[in-house]
Protein backbone atom coordinates (compact mmCIF):
# COMPACT_ATOMS: atom_id res chain seq x y z
CA MET A 1 -0.08 0.01 0.02
CA ASP A 2 1.29 3.14 -1.10
CA GLU A 3 2.00 6.38 1.27
CA LYS A 4 -1.37 8.35 -0.67
CA SER A 5 -3.40 5.33 0.47
CA LYS A 6 -2.54 5.00 3.80
CA THR A 7 -3.25 8.47 4.40
CA LYS A 8 -7.05 8.28 2.92
CA VAL A 9 -7.28 5.22 4.76
CA SER A 10 -6.12 6.82 8.23
CA THR A 11 -8.60 10.04 7.11
CA LYS A 12 -11.74 8.00 6.83
CA ALA A 13 -10.71 6.01 10.20
CA ALA A 14 -9.96 9.38 11.60
CA GLU A 15 -13.49 10.60 9.93
CA ALA A 16 -15.47 7.83 11.76
CA ALA A 17 -14.10 7.80 14.85
CA ARG A 18 -14.78 11.30 15.16
CA LYS A 19 -18.79 10.50 13.78
CA LEU A 20 -18.86 7.52 16.50
CA LYS A 21 -18.04 9.78 19.39
CA PHE A 22 -20.14 13.01 18.09
CA GLU A 23 -23.15 10.26 18.23
CA THR A 24 -22.16 8.59 21.26
CA VAL A 25 -22.56 12.16 23.27
CA LYS A 26 -25.48 12.99 21.12
CA THR A 27 -27.03 9.98 22.12
CA PHE A 28 -25.98 10.17 26.00
CA SER A 29 -26.95 13.42 26.33
CA ALA A 30 -30.51 12.73 25.23
CA LEU A 31 -30.61 9.70 27.64
CA LEU A 32 -29.77 12.10 30.22
CA THR A 33 -32.30 14.55 29.39
CA SER A 34 -34.69 12.31 29.06
CA ALA A 35 -34.33 10.87 32.62
CA PHE A 36 -34.00 14.31 34.14
CA GLY A 37 -37.32 15.06 32.65
CA LEU A 38 -38.71 12.02 33.86
CA VAL A 39 -37.83 12.85 37.73
CA ALA A 40 -39.39 16.41 36.96
CA ALA A 41 -42.33 15.19 35.98
CA PHE A 42 -42.67 13.01 38.58
CA ALA A 43 -42.57 16.08 40.83
CA TRP A 44 -44.90 18.17 38.58
CA ASN A 45 -46.91 14.83 38.97
CA GLU A 46 -47.22 15.11 42.82
CA THR A 47 -47.86 18.84 42.91
CA VAL A 48 -50.56 19.16 40.45
CA LYS A 49 -52.28 16.31 42.57
CA GLU A 50 -51.80 17.80 45.50
CA ALA A 51 -53.30 21.02 44.31
CA ILE A 52 -56.09 19.79 42.36
CA ASN A 53 -57.05 17.52 46.02
CA ARG A 54 -56.82 20.84 47.72
CA TYR A 55 -59.17 22.90 45.16
CA ILE A 56 -61.67 19.75 44.46
CA SER A 57 -63.83 18.88 47.01
CA ALA A 58 -63.60 15.16 48.58
CA GLY A 59 -65.24 12.32 47.28
CA SER A 60 -65.28 13.56 43.72
CA GLY A 61 -62.30 11.38 42.86
CA LEU A 62 -63.48 10.59 39.19
CA LYS A 63 -64.17 14.44 38.70
CA SER A 64 -60.29 15.16 40.37
CA LYS A 65 -59.00 12.27 38.16
CA LEU A 66 -60.16 13.90 35.21
CA ILE A 67 -59.50 17.26 35.47
CA TYR A 68 -56.03 16.07 36.29
CA ALA A 69 -56.04 13.75 32.93
CA ILE A 70 -57.53 17.11 30.68
CA PHE A 71 -54.83 19.52 32.69
CA VAL A 72 -51.46 17.40 32.28
CA THR A 73 -52.72 16.20 28.55
CA LEU A 74 -52.85 20.47 27.63
CA ILE A 75 -49.66 20.45 29.22
CA ALA A 76 -48.08 18.15 27.33
CA VAL A 77 -49.73 19.20 23.48
CA ALA A 78 -48.70 22.56 24.28
CA VAL A 79 -44.95 21.95 25.33
CA SER A 80 -44.51 19.67 22.29
CA TYR A 81 -45.85 21.90 20.06
CA TRP A 82 -43.31 24.45 21.31
CA LEU A 83 -40.37 21.77 21.18
CA SER A 84 -41.31 21.04 17.64
CA SER A 85 -41.23 24.70 16.27
CA VAL A 86 -37.72 25.67 18.05
CA SER A 87 -36.45 21.88 16.76
CA ALA A 88 -37.62 23.36 13.29
CA ARG A 89 -35.53 26.97 13.69
CA TYR A 90 -32.68 24.80 14.66
CA GLN A 91 -33.07 22.04 11.45
CA PRO A 92 -30.50 22.63 8.92
CA ASP A 93 -31.39 22.93 5.44
CA ASP A 94 -29.52 20.53 4.14
CA GLU A 95 -31.34 18.09 6.17
CA GLY A 96 -32.48 14.52 5.03
CA GLU A 97 -30.49 15.40 1.23
CA ASP A 98 -28.22 12.38 2.06
CA ASN A 99 -31.14 10.23 1.93
CA LYS A 100 -32.28 10.74 -1.73
């Protein structure tokens, strides 16, 4: 193998290693963000339940659960919509051209 071929292979290997490192960091970042999001969701879960129980009369279990479910659903939809619009703003223009 000549020197030019060795350099080409070395460059390809370095680029593959860089891409692997980037994907690893990206994946761990997503996993850690999800984990903290889950912890925050549990905290809000208890807080919202307590607030509903405080302001809805005792004995109206189904009513309070329905209010809770609607409230959480509305928040989830609003946050999902907001995140998708933020994500769309930062999406590169050439996204997906490699898949053509």
